[in-house]
N, C-alpha and C. Protein backbone atom coordinates (compact mmCIF):
# COMPACT_ATOMS: atom_id res chain seq x y z
N MET A 1 -57.73 64.58 25.83
CA MET A 1 -57.87 63.75 26.71
C MET A 1 -57.23 62.33 26.35
N LYS A 2 -55.89 61.96 26.96
CA LYS A 2 -55.02 60.70 26.55
C LYS A 2 -55.97 59.62 27.55
N PRO A 3 -56.64 58.67 26.88
CA PRO A 3 -57.30 57.56 27.75
C PRO A 3 -56.31 56.93 29.12
N SER A 4 -56.72 56.68 30.12
CA SER A 4 -56.25 56.25 31.08
C SER A 4 -56.32 54.47 30.89
N LEU A 5 -55.23 54.21 31.36
CA LEU A 5 -54.68 52.33 30.95
C LEU A 5 -54.92 51.72 32.40
N ALA A 6 -55.66 52.66 33.23
CA ALA A 6 -56.06 51.89 34.98
C ALA A 6 -57.34 52.14 34.98
N VAL A 7 -58.06 51.70 34.89
CA VAL A 7 -59.57 51.50 35.02
C VAL A 7 -59.86 50.87 36.32
N ASP A 8 -60.78 51.41 37.51
CA ASP A 8 -61.28 50.74 38.62
C ASP A 8 -62.54 50.11 38.32
N VAL A 9 -62.54 48.64 38.32
CA VAL A 9 -63.56 47.93 37.65
C VAL A 9 -64.31 47.13 38.99
N SER A 10 -63.80 47.61 40.23
CA SER A 10 -64.48 47.04 41.68
C SER A 10 -65.88 47.44 41.73
N GLY A 11 -66.42 48.79 41.38
CA GLY A 11 -67.81 49.33 41.79
C GLY A 11 -68.53 50.18 41.07
N LYS A 12 -69.45 50.83 41.55
CA LYS A 12 -69.77 51.74 40.94
C LYS A 12 -69.59 53.20 41.00
N GLY A 13 -69.61 54.03 39.83
CA GLY A 13 -68.85 55.28 40.25
C GLY A 13 -70.19 56.17 40.32
N ASP A 14 -69.44 57.33 40.62
CA ASP A 14 -70.87 58.37 41.05
C ASP A 14 -71.90 59.17 39.78
N HIS A 15 -71.08 59.24 38.86
CA HIS A 15 -71.71 59.83 37.83
C HIS A 15 -71.12 59.89 36.28
N TYR A 16 -71.65 60.31 35.38
CA TYR A 16 -70.98 60.18 34.09
C TYR A 16 -70.40 61.55 33.84
N THR A 17 -69.46 61.67 32.77
CA THR A 17 -69.26 63.06 32.10
C THR A 17 -70.43 63.61 31.31
N ASN A 18 -71.15 62.70 30.52
CA ASN A 18 -72.41 62.98 29.96
C ASN A 18 -73.55 62.01 30.74
N PRO A 19 -74.40 62.47 31.59
CA PRO A 19 -75.28 62.20 32.30
C PRO A 19 -76.34 61.38 31.31
N GLY A 20 -76.86 60.05 31.62
CA GLY A 20 -77.70 59.64 30.62
C GLY A 20 -77.65 59.12 29.46
N ALA A 21 -78.41 58.69 28.63
CA ALA A 21 -78.23 58.56 27.32
C ALA A 21 -78.10 59.76 26.44
N ASP A 22 -78.38 61.02 26.83
CA ASP A 22 -78.10 61.85 25.66
C ASP A 22 -77.06 61.87 25.09
N GLY A 23 -75.88 61.58 25.76
CA GLY A 23 -74.57 61.50 25.15
C GLY A 23 -74.17 60.75 23.96
N PHE A 24 -75.40 59.71 23.87
CA PHE A 24 -75.06 58.82 22.93
C PHE A 24 -75.55 59.40 21.71
N PHE A 25 -76.93 60.14 21.87
CA PHE A 25 -77.23 60.64 20.73
C PHE A 25 -76.40 62.09 19.94
N VAL A 26 -75.60 62.58 21.03
CA VAL A 26 -74.71 63.36 20.28
C VAL A 26 -73.87 62.74 19.76
N PHE A 27 -73.45 61.84 20.20
CA PHE A 27 -72.18 60.96 19.33
C PHE A 27 -72.95 60.36 18.32
N GLU A 28 -73.86 59.88 18.07
CA GLU A 28 -74.55 59.31 16.89
C GLU A 28 -74.40 60.50 15.78
N HIS A 29 -74.97 61.46 16.39
CA HIS A 29 -74.86 62.81 15.55
C HIS A 29 -73.87 62.86 14.63
N LYS A 30 -72.55 62.83 15.55
CA LYS A 30 -71.58 63.45 15.01
C LYS A 30 -71.06 62.15 14.13
N ILE A 31 -71.17 61.22 14.46
CA ILE A 31 -70.60 59.84 13.68
C ILE A 31 -71.20 60.04 12.25
N ASN A 32 -72.64 60.35 12.54
CA ASN A 32 -73.51 60.66 11.01
C ASN A 32 -73.09 61.72 10.21
N GLU A 33 -72.49 62.71 10.89
CA GLU A 33 -71.95 63.99 10.13
C GLU A 33 -70.77 63.44 9.40
N LEU A 34 -69.74 62.63 10.26
CA LEU A 34 -68.42 62.08 9.62
C LEU A 34 -68.76 61.40 8.12
N ASP A 35 -69.66 60.47 8.65
CA ASP A 35 -70.18 59.25 7.25
C ASP A 35 -70.57 60.24 6.41
N ASP A 36 -71.22 61.57 6.33
CA ASP A 36 -71.88 62.24 5.36
C ASP A 36 -70.46 62.86 4.61
N GLN A 37 -69.69 63.49 5.32
CA GLN A 37 -68.63 63.94 4.86
C GLN A 37 -67.64 62.96 3.94
N LEU A 38 -67.64 61.79 4.94
CA LEU A 38 -66.57 60.56 4.11
C LEU A 38 -67.49 60.36 2.54
N ARG A 39 -68.58 60.32 2.57
CA ARG A 39 -69.35 60.16 1.31
C ARG A 39 -68.90 60.93 0.34
N LYS A 40 -69.07 61.99 0.65
CA LYS A 40 -69.10 63.47 -0.28
C LYS A 40 -67.48 63.42 -0.75
N LEU A 41 -66.67 62.72 0.20
CA LEU A 41 -65.10 62.95 -0.10
C LEU A 41 -64.86 61.63 -1.29
N TRP A 42 -65.76 60.75 -0.95
CA TRP A 42 -65.41 59.50 -1.67
C TRP A 42 -65.86 60.00 -3.41
N ASN A 43 -67.12 60.67 -3.07
CA ASN A 43 -67.45 61.07 -4.47
C ASN A 43 -66.64 61.93 -5.05
N ALA A 44 -66.30 63.10 -4.44
CA ALA A 44 -65.52 64.09 -5.03
C ALA A 44 -64.11 63.48 -5.57
N ALA A 45 -63.79 62.47 -5.11
CA ALA A 45 -62.25 61.86 -5.40
C ALA A 45 -62.41 61.14 -6.58
N ARG A 46 -63.70 60.17 -6.77
CA ARG A 46 -63.89 59.84 -7.97
C ARG A 46 -64.22 60.97 -8.81
N GLN A 47 -64.88 61.68 -8.95
CA GLN A 47 -65.43 62.35 -9.83
C GLN A 47 -63.76 63.26 -10.42
N LEU A 48 -62.94 63.88 -9.68
CA LEU A 48 -61.91 64.11 -10.11
C LEU A 48 -60.87 63.15 -10.43
N GLY A 49 -60.90 61.95 -10.23
CA GLY A 49 -60.01 60.76 -10.54
C GLY A 49 -58.60 61.10 -9.82
N SER A 50 -58.76 61.57 -8.21
CA SER A 50 -57.66 61.83 -7.62
C SER A 50 -57.24 60.30 -6.83
N SER A 51 -56.85 60.63 -6.10
CA SER A 51 -56.28 59.36 -5.03
C SER A 51 -57.27 58.25 -4.83
N ALA A 52 -56.88 57.12 -5.28
CA ALA A 52 -57.38 55.75 -5.08
C ALA A 52 -57.29 55.65 -3.62
N GLY A 53 -56.12 55.93 -2.82
CA GLY A 53 -56.10 55.75 -1.57
C GLY A 53 -57.13 56.58 -0.70
N VAL A 54 -57.59 57.46 -0.91
CA VAL A 54 -58.61 58.20 -0.38
C VAL A 54 -59.97 57.91 -0.45
N MET A 55 -59.97 57.28 -1.74
CA MET A 55 -61.57 56.69 -1.79
C MET A 55 -61.58 55.43 -0.88
N SER A 56 -60.57 54.16 -1.13
CA SER A 56 -60.49 53.36 -0.32
C SER A 56 -60.37 53.34 1.07
N ALA A 57 -59.85 54.86 1.71
CA ALA A 57 -59.66 54.69 3.32
C ALA A 57 -60.73 55.34 3.51
N SER A 58 -61.83 55.86 3.04
CA SER A 58 -62.90 56.80 2.86
C SER A 58 -63.83 55.49 3.24
N ILE A 59 -64.00 54.70 2.20
CA ILE A 59 -64.86 53.93 2.39
C ILE A 59 -64.85 52.62 3.59
N ARG A 60 -63.52 52.50 4.07
CA ARG A 60 -63.34 51.56 5.01
C ARG A 60 -63.64 52.00 6.38
N LEU A 61 -63.51 53.32 6.77
CA LEU A 61 -63.57 54.36 7.73
C LEU A 61 -65.28 54.25 7.46
N ARG A 62 -65.98 54.46 6.80
CA ARG A 62 -67.50 54.61 7.00
C ARG A 62 -68.18 53.17 7.23
N GLU A 63 -67.46 51.89 6.88
CA GLU A 63 -67.67 50.90 7.34
C GLU A 63 -67.41 50.75 9.16
N ARG A 64 -66.32 50.90 8.96
CA ARG A 64 -65.90 50.77 10.66
C ARG A 64 -66.85 51.74 11.46
N LEU A 65 -67.26 53.06 11.01
CA LEU A 65 -67.85 54.04 11.93
C LEU A 65 -69.34 53.32 12.34
N TRP A 66 -69.89 52.48 11.43
CA TRP A 66 -71.51 51.58 11.54
C TRP A 66 -70.88 50.68 12.92
N ARG A 67 -69.60 50.26 12.82
CA ARG A 67 -69.26 48.94 13.62
C ARG A 67 -69.56 49.52 15.08
N ILE A 68 -68.60 50.37 15.44
CA ILE A 68 -68.42 51.19 16.39
C ILE A 68 -69.64 52.01 16.81
N LEU A 69 -70.48 52.34 16.26
CA LEU A 69 -71.42 52.85 16.63
C LEU A 69 -72.62 51.87 17.30
N HIS A 70 -72.33 50.70 16.58
CA HIS A 70 -73.46 49.65 16.90
C HIS A 70 -72.98 49.12 18.54
N LEU A 71 -71.79 49.21 18.48
CA LEU A 71 -71.02 48.65 19.78
C LEU A 71 -71.39 50.03 20.84
N PHE A 72 -71.24 51.27 20.66
CA PHE A 72 -71.74 52.22 21.51
C PHE A 72 -73.31 51.91 21.90
N HIS A 73 -74.05 51.80 20.74
CA HIS A 73 -75.55 51.70 21.46
C HIS A 73 -75.63 50.60 22.25
N GLN A 74 -74.98 49.42 22.09
CA GLN A 74 -75.22 48.20 22.84
C GLN A 74 -74.89 48.48 24.14
N ASN A 75 -73.77 49.07 24.60
CA ASN A 75 -73.25 49.67 25.75
C ASN A 75 -74.36 50.68 26.45
N GLU A 76 -75.11 51.51 25.48
CA GLU A 76 -75.89 52.51 26.03
C GLU A 76 -76.91 51.98 26.56
N ALA A 77 -77.32 50.84 25.71
CA ALA A 77 -78.71 49.84 25.79
C ALA A 77 -78.65 49.19 27.16
N ASP A 78 -77.50 48.67 27.68
CA ASP A 78 -77.26 48.25 28.82
C ASP A 78 -77.40 49.06 30.03
N LEU A 79 -76.53 50.16 29.72
CA LEU A 79 -76.75 51.16 31.11
C LEU A 79 -78.13 51.85 31.31
N PHE A 80 -78.69 52.41 30.37
CA PHE A 80 -79.85 53.10 30.14
C PHE A 80 -81.01 52.35 29.38
N PRO A 81 -81.36 51.33 29.95
CA PRO A 81 -82.38 50.62 28.93
C PRO A 81 -83.66 51.24 29.00
N GLN A 82 -84.19 52.30 29.85
CA GLN A 82 -85.34 52.72 29.77
C GLN A 82 -85.20 54.02 28.61
N GLU A 83 -84.47 54.88 29.02
CA GLU A 83 -84.03 55.89 28.18
C GLU A 83 -83.98 55.56 26.68
N MET A 84 -82.93 54.57 26.53
CA MET A 84 -82.70 54.31 25.15
C MET A 84 -84.07 53.25 24.38
N GLN A 85 -84.67 53.09 25.34
CA GLN A 85 -85.87 52.30 24.57
C GLN A 85 -87.26 53.27 24.13
N GLU A 86 -87.15 54.25 25.13
CA GLU A 86 -88.05 55.43 25.16
C GLU A 86 -87.66 56.25 23.84
N SER A 87 -86.13 56.46 23.90
CA SER A 87 -85.61 57.49 22.74
C SER A 87 -85.61 56.88 21.51
N VAL A 88 -85.22 55.61 21.14
CA VAL A 88 -84.97 55.16 19.98
C VAL A 88 -86.03 54.49 19.50
N GLY A 89 -87.07 54.31 20.32
CA GLY A 89 -88.36 53.31 19.72
C GLY A 89 -88.36 52.12 19.43
N GLY A 90 -87.17 51.37 20.00
CA GLY A 90 -86.95 50.10 19.63
C GLY A 90 -85.96 49.68 18.84
N ASP A 91 -85.51 50.43 17.77
CA ASP A 91 -84.48 50.37 17.07
C ASP A 91 -84.11 51.45 15.90
N ARG A 92 -83.98 52.81 16.57
CA ARG A 92 -83.76 53.80 15.74
C ARG A 92 -82.61 53.72 14.73
N LEU A 93 -81.60 53.06 15.43
CA LEU A 93 -80.54 52.69 14.30
C LEU A 93 -80.92 52.36 13.39
N LEU A 94 -81.57 51.25 13.03
CA LEU A 94 -81.68 50.91 11.70
C LEU A 94 -83.20 51.10 11.19
N LYS A 95 -84.09 51.87 11.65
CA LYS A 95 -85.28 52.63 11.11
C LYS A 95 -85.31 54.03 10.39
N SER A 96 -84.23 54.79 10.73
CA SER A 96 -84.53 56.13 9.99
C SER A 96 -83.79 55.92 8.66
N LYS A 97 -84.28 57.17 7.99
CA LYS A 97 -83.90 57.01 6.43
C LYS A 97 -82.48 57.49 6.73
N LYS A 98 -81.74 58.27 7.05
CA LYS A 98 -80.55 58.21 7.31
C LYS A 98 -79.73 57.29 7.73
N ARG A 99 -80.22 56.62 8.37
CA ARG A 99 -79.48 55.15 8.69
C ARG A 99 -79.66 54.29 7.69
N HIS A 100 -80.48 54.23 6.75
CA HIS A 100 -80.55 53.48 5.46
C HIS A 100 -79.62 53.81 4.77
N ARG A 101 -79.44 54.90 4.63
CA ARG A 101 -78.18 55.48 3.53
C ARG A 101 -76.82 55.11 4.00
N PHE A 102 -76.62 55.27 5.62
CA PHE A 102 -75.59 54.95 5.89
C PHE A 102 -75.26 53.46 5.87
N LEU A 103 -76.28 52.44 6.18
CA LEU A 103 -75.92 51.07 5.88
C LEU A 103 -76.12 50.41 4.72
N SER A 104 -76.26 51.36 3.72
CA SER A 104 -76.64 50.69 2.43
C SER A 104 -75.12 50.16 1.71
N HIS A 105 -73.97 50.50 2.12
CA HIS A 105 -72.78 49.86 1.46
C HIS A 105 -72.05 48.68 2.42
N LEU A 106 -73.03 48.50 3.56
CA LEU A 106 -72.91 47.21 4.33
C LEU A 106 -73.71 46.11 4.06
N THR A 107 -73.47 45.45 2.73
CA THR A 107 -74.46 44.51 2.73
C THR A 107 -73.89 43.27 3.38
N HIS A 108 -72.67 43.47 3.87
CA HIS A 108 -72.65 41.78 4.53
C HIS A 108 -72.31 41.83 6.09
N PHE A 109 -72.81 42.88 6.65
CA PHE A 109 -72.42 43.22 7.99
C PHE A 109 -73.89 42.89 8.76
N ASP A 110 -73.80 41.82 9.51
CA ASP A 110 -74.96 41.17 10.57
C ASP A 110 -74.53 41.85 12.02
N PRO A 111 -75.38 42.88 12.31
CA PRO A 111 -74.96 43.29 13.81
C PRO A 111 -75.10 42.34 14.95
N ARG A 112 -75.84 41.27 14.57
CA ARG A 112 -76.15 40.11 15.40
C ARG A 112 -74.89 39.60 16.24
N LYS A 113 -73.96 39.47 14.87
CA LYS A 113 -72.63 38.78 15.45
C LYS A 113 -71.42 39.86 15.88
N LEU A 114 -71.72 41.09 16.40
CA LEU A 114 -70.94 41.91 17.02
C LEU A 114 -71.27 42.44 18.45
N ASP A 115 -70.40 41.83 19.28
CA ASP A 115 -71.07 42.35 20.70
C ASP A 115 -69.63 42.77 21.51
N SER A 116 -69.75 42.89 22.82
CA SER A 116 -68.75 43.89 23.38
C SER A 116 -67.54 42.92 23.41
N ARG A 117 -67.28 41.63 23.20
CA ARG A 117 -66.37 40.50 23.03
C ARG A 117 -65.24 41.26 21.84
N GLN A 118 -65.88 42.08 21.06
CA GLN A 118 -65.16 42.59 19.94
C GLN A 118 -64.60 43.91 19.95
N LEU A 119 -64.94 44.41 21.03
CA LEU A 119 -64.80 45.79 21.41
C LEU A 119 -63.08 46.61 21.11
N ALA A 120 -62.62 45.94 21.69
CA ALA A 120 -60.94 45.82 21.87
C ALA A 120 -60.49 45.91 20.36
N LEU A 121 -60.76 44.75 19.63
CA LEU A 121 -60.40 44.43 18.54
C LEU A 121 -60.87 45.68 17.34
N GLU A 122 -62.28 45.83 17.51
CA GLU A 122 -62.65 46.90 16.59
C GLU A 122 -62.18 48.33 16.86
N LEU A 123 -62.00 48.77 18.14
CA LEU A 123 -61.01 50.04 18.24
C LEU A 123 -60.10 50.03 17.59
N GLN A 124 -59.02 48.79 17.85
CA GLN A 124 -57.77 48.76 16.93
C GLN A 124 -57.90 48.91 15.46
N LEU A 125 -59.17 48.31 15.11
CA LEU A 125 -59.15 48.45 13.70
C LEU A 125 -59.73 49.90 13.13
N PHE A 126 -60.26 50.71 13.92
CA PHE A 126 -60.84 52.06 14.09
C PHE A 126 -59.66 52.85 13.96
N SER A 127 -58.42 52.50 14.80
CA SER A 127 -57.41 53.06 14.83
C SER A 127 -56.51 53.10 13.46
N ARG A 128 -56.54 52.06 12.80
CA ARG A 128 -56.04 51.97 11.74
C ARG A 128 -56.58 52.53 10.36
N ASP A 129 -58.34 52.55 10.76
CA ASP A 129 -58.67 53.17 9.64
C ASP A 129 -58.83 54.80 9.51
N ILE A 130 -58.55 55.26 10.96
CA ILE A 130 -58.34 56.70 11.04
C ILE A 130 -56.88 57.08 10.54
N SER A 131 -56.41 56.35 10.94
CA SER A 131 -54.74 56.54 10.69
C SER A 131 -54.53 56.61 9.23
N ALA A 132 -55.15 55.41 8.43
CA ALA A 132 -54.79 55.29 7.20
C ALA A 132 -55.47 56.55 6.17
N LEU A 133 -56.74 57.14 6.62
CA LEU A 133 -57.26 58.21 5.92
C LEU A 133 -56.19 59.32 6.04
N LEU A 134 -55.76 59.80 7.35
CA LEU A 134 -54.80 60.89 7.57
C LEU A 134 -53.48 60.69 6.90
N GLU A 135 -53.28 59.65 6.88
CA GLU A 135 -51.69 59.36 6.09
C GLU A 135 -52.18 59.63 4.45
N CYS A 136 -53.14 59.28 4.15
CA CYS A 136 -53.80 59.52 2.59
C CYS A 136 -53.71 61.38 2.20
N PHE A 137 -54.33 62.07 3.29
CA PHE A 137 -54.33 63.43 3.40
C PHE A 137 -52.81 63.77 3.43
N SER A 138 -51.92 63.10 4.33
CA SER A 138 -50.63 63.70 4.32
C SER A 138 -49.88 63.47 2.98
N GLN A 139 -50.18 63.07 1.70
CA GLN A 139 -49.68 63.02 0.84
C GLN A 139 -49.93 64.28 -0.29
N PHE A 140 -50.97 65.08 0.42
CA PHE A 140 -51.14 66.41 -0.17
C PHE A 140 -50.30 67.48 0.33
N PRO A 141 -49.23 67.95 -0.02
CA PRO A 141 -48.41 68.53 0.81
C PRO A 141 -48.86 69.91 1.26
N GLU A 142 -50.02 70.62 0.49
CA GLU A 142 -50.55 72.00 0.96
C GLU A 142 -51.32 71.56 2.23
N PHE A 143 -51.75 70.38 2.27
CA PHE A 143 -52.63 70.17 3.57
C PHE A 143 -51.94 69.49 4.57
N VAL A 144 -50.91 69.20 4.72
CA VAL A 144 -50.41 68.27 5.70
C VAL A 144 -50.24 69.28 7.36
N ASN A 145 -50.24 70.43 7.18
CA ASN A 145 -50.07 71.19 8.42
C ASN A 145 -51.72 71.67 9.06
N GLU A 146 -52.59 70.84 8.12
CA GLU A 146 -53.84 71.38 8.29
C GLU A 146 -54.33 70.09 9.00
N ILE A 147 -53.89 68.65 8.89
CA ILE A 147 -54.48 67.61 9.18
C ILE A 147 -54.94 67.52 10.86
N PRO A 148 -55.82 67.05 11.13
CA PRO A 148 -56.35 67.19 12.59
C PRO A 148 -55.88 66.19 13.21
N ASP A 149 -55.48 66.06 14.78
CA ASP A 149 -55.35 65.15 15.53
C ASP A 149 -54.73 63.81 15.11
N TRP A 150 -53.41 63.96 14.69
CA TRP A 150 -52.65 62.79 14.45
C TRP A 150 -52.85 61.88 15.53
N ALA A 151 -52.84 62.34 16.80
CA ALA A 151 -52.95 61.55 18.14
C ALA A 151 -54.05 60.76 18.32
N LEU A 152 -55.04 60.95 17.67
CA LEU A 152 -56.22 59.87 17.63
C LEU A 152 -55.92 58.33 17.45
N GLY A 153 -55.28 58.32 16.32
CA GLY A 153 -55.05 56.95 16.22
C GLY A 153 -54.36 56.39 17.27
N ASN A 154 -53.27 56.68 17.95
CA ASN A 154 -52.56 56.30 19.23
C ASN A 154 -53.37 56.11 20.29
N ASP A 155 -54.38 57.35 20.55
CA ASP A 155 -55.38 57.25 21.74
C ASP A 155 -56.50 56.07 21.57
N LEU A 156 -56.97 55.68 20.28
CA LEU A 156 -57.77 54.50 20.07
C LEU A 156 -57.06 53.32 20.46
N GLN A 157 -55.84 53.07 20.26
CA GLN A 157 -54.97 51.99 20.41
C GLN A 157 -55.03 51.85 22.41
N ASP A 158 -55.04 52.83 22.85
CA ASP A 158 -54.94 52.93 24.07
C ASP A 158 -56.15 52.71 24.65
N TRP A 159 -57.42 52.85 24.23
CA TRP A 159 -58.37 52.75 24.57
C TRP A 159 -58.73 51.02 24.57
N ALA A 160 -58.18 50.59 23.17
CA ALA A 160 -58.24 49.08 23.05
C ALA A 160 -58.11 48.17 23.83
N MET A 161 -56.85 48.86 24.29
CA MET A 161 -55.78 48.22 25.28
C MET A 161 -56.17 48.36 26.67
N VAL A 162 -57.20 49.18 26.99
CA VAL A 162 -58.01 49.41 28.05
C VAL A 162 -59.10 47.78 28.17
N PHE A 163 -59.64 47.74 27.27
CA PHE A 163 -60.71 46.85 27.20
C PHE A 163 -60.07 45.50 27.25
N ASN A 164 -59.16 45.40 26.11
CA ASN A 164 -58.49 44.10 26.05
C ASN A 164 -58.08 43.65 27.33
N ASN A 165 -57.29 44.56 28.04
CA ASN A 165 -56.62 44.11 29.34
C ASN A 165 -57.87 43.79 30.42
N ASN A 166 -58.91 44.13 30.14
CA ASN A 166 -60.17 43.95 31.13
C ASN A 166 -61.19 43.12 30.48
N GLU A 167 -60.87 42.52 29.80
CA GLU A 167 -61.85 41.70 29.03
C GLU A 167 -62.80 40.62 29.43
N ASP A 168 -62.62 40.65 30.95
CA ASP A 168 -63.43 39.59 31.52
C ASP A 168 -64.55 40.56 32.44
N GLU A 169 -64.16 41.82 32.34
CA GLU A 169 -65.12 42.84 32.99
C GLU A 169 -65.77 43.90 32.17
N LEU A 170 -65.84 43.36 30.94
CA LEU A 170 -66.65 44.11 29.89
C LEU A 170 -68.21 44.65 30.12
N LYS A 171 -68.81 43.85 30.96
CA LYS A 171 -70.31 43.96 31.25
C LYS A 171 -70.43 44.60 32.63
N THR A 172 -68.98 44.79 33.36
CA THR A 172 -69.34 45.71 34.70
C THR A 172 -69.61 47.01 34.51
N TYR A 173 -70.19 47.74 35.46
CA TYR A 173 -70.77 49.21 35.41
C TYR A 173 -69.73 50.13 35.30
N ALA A 174 -68.25 49.81 35.66
CA ALA A 174 -67.22 50.56 35.80
C ALA A 174 -66.48 50.46 34.21
N LEU A 175 -66.55 49.48 33.46
CA LEU A 175 -66.17 49.64 32.23
C LEU A 175 -67.06 50.17 31.28
N GLN A 176 -68.24 49.94 31.81
CA GLN A 176 -69.63 50.24 30.58
C GLN A 176 -69.62 51.82 30.95
N SER A 177 -69.54 52.12 31.95
CA SER A 177 -69.40 53.69 31.76
C SER A 177 -68.16 54.43 31.42
N TYR A 178 -67.10 53.57 31.67
CA TYR A 178 -65.59 54.24 31.15
C TYR A 178 -66.20 54.55 29.53
N LEU A 179 -66.53 53.62 28.95
CA LEU A 179 -66.79 53.63 27.50
C LEU A 179 -67.78 54.81 27.22
N HIS A 180 -68.98 54.35 28.07
CA HIS A 180 -69.81 55.68 27.67
C HIS A 180 -68.90 57.09 28.05
N ASP A 181 -68.16 57.36 29.05
CA ASP A 181 -67.49 58.83 29.10
C ASP A 181 -66.70 59.06 27.96
N SER A 182 -66.01 57.87 27.07
CA SER A 182 -65.18 58.23 26.25
C SER A 182 -65.55 58.70 24.85
N MET A 183 -67.06 58.70 25.11
CA MET A 183 -67.65 58.99 23.75
C MET A 183 -67.64 60.60 23.52
N ALA A 184 -67.56 61.26 24.68
CA ALA A 184 -67.57 62.70 24.44
C ALA A 184 -66.46 63.35 23.85
N ASP A 185 -65.05 62.68 24.28
CA ASP A 185 -63.71 62.80 23.39
C ASP A 185 -63.48 62.13 22.16
N ILE A 186 -63.94 61.07 21.96
CA ILE A 186 -64.13 60.46 20.45
C ILE A 186 -65.05 61.18 19.82
N GLY A 187 -66.20 61.55 19.96
CA GLY A 187 -67.08 62.52 19.13
C GLY A 187 -66.54 63.66 18.90
N GLU A 188 -66.08 64.38 19.87
CA GLU A 188 -65.59 66.00 19.59
C GLU A 188 -64.17 65.83 18.37
N ARG A 189 -63.82 64.99 18.67
CA ARG A 189 -62.67 64.71 17.87
C ARG A 189 -62.80 64.20 16.40
N LEU A 190 -63.54 63.23 16.35
CA LEU A 190 -64.09 62.94 14.67
C LEU A 190 -64.83 64.41 14.33
N ASP A 191 -65.54 65.10 15.16
CA ASP A 191 -66.48 66.23 14.66
C ASP A 191 -65.51 67.37 14.15
N ARG A 192 -64.20 67.51 14.73
CA ARG A 192 -63.57 68.24 14.27
C ARG A 192 -62.82 68.06 12.46
N MET A 193 -62.49 66.64 12.58
CA MET A 193 -62.45 66.10 11.25
C MET A 193 -63.72 66.46 10.18
N ALA A 194 -64.66 65.71 10.45
CA ALA A 194 -65.95 66.21 10.06
C ALA A 194 -66.16 67.83 9.45
N THR A 195 -66.05 68.36 10.46
CA THR A 195 -66.59 70.00 10.02
C THR A 195 -65.47 70.85 9.58
N LYS A 196 -64.21 70.58 10.22
CA LYS A 196 -63.08 71.55 10.09
C LYS A 196 -62.35 71.22 8.76
N PHE A 197 -62.15 69.93 8.48
CA PHE A 197 -60.89 69.59 7.58
C PHE A 197 -61.67 68.94 6.37
N ILE A 198 -62.33 68.00 6.46
CA ILE A 198 -62.51 67.51 5.19
C ILE A 198 -63.54 68.16 4.34
N PRO A 199 -64.62 69.20 4.50
CA PRO A 199 -64.82 70.20 3.67
C PRO A 199 -63.88 71.19 3.11
N VAL A 200 -63.08 71.43 3.96
CA VAL A 200 -61.71 72.04 3.26
C VAL A 200 -61.33 71.36 2.19
N PHE A 201 -60.97 70.24 2.76
CA PHE A 201 -60.02 69.33 1.49
C PHE A 201 -60.76 69.14 0.37
N ILE A 202 -62.15 69.03 0.49
CA ILE A 202 -62.90 68.54 -0.85
C ILE A 202 -63.25 69.81 -1.63
N ASP A 203 -63.17 71.14 -0.72
CA ASP A 203 -63.23 72.29 -1.85
C ASP A 203 -61.84 72.86 -2.59
N LEU A 204 -60.75 72.51 -1.87
CA LEU A 204 -59.73 72.83 -2.37
C LEU A 204 -58.72 71.59 -2.74
N GLY A 205 -58.74 70.47 -2.53
CA GLY A 205 -58.12 69.17 -3.13
C GLY A 205 -58.30 69.11 -4.36
C-alpha cells in the first residue's frame, strides 16, 4: 500500500484498520523478530569474515528500529491510554528481558529526548537504513532476485513527507490514527524481511 500524501486533519475518523492498541503489540512483535534476525545476521557476518557493510547496516537498522518503535509506542499511548497502561504495565517496553537485550547496544539513547517532532526525520532515516541494508544484500548476485520490497524505502520517505507537511498537526486525532494505521503495512513488510529473506541469507550466504 503506497502512503497517501493527502491526510484529512480536520476531524475524527470513524475507525482504525487495526482497532485499539492490539495493532501495536502485533507491530512490536514483528519489530522484535526483525531485531533478532538482524542480531543473528551480524553474528554470522562477523564469524564468516564477510561483508563489513552488512554488519554496519544491520547494527544501524537495529538502532533505528528501537527509535521507530518508541515513537509508535508514544502515539499508541496518546490514542489508547487505558489499553496501553493495562497491557504494558506502565512501561513494558523497558521492563521485558527481550527488551533489555534489544536495548543493550543503545548505550547513548535517551527516549526522553525523542518525541513526535522527530517523527518525519526518523522515518527518513529509517528509509535510509532499510535501503542501505538491501543495497548490501544486492552485492551478492545470487540473492539479487530474492531481495524483498525495494519499494519500502521510497514508501517510508512518502510517509515522512506526510508528517513533515503536517508538522503542526502531529498531535491531532487524524494524524495519530494515520500513523496507527500505517503500522500494519510497515509491520507486514518488515516481517517478510525477517521471516522470508534474512534466515535464508544467513543459511546460504
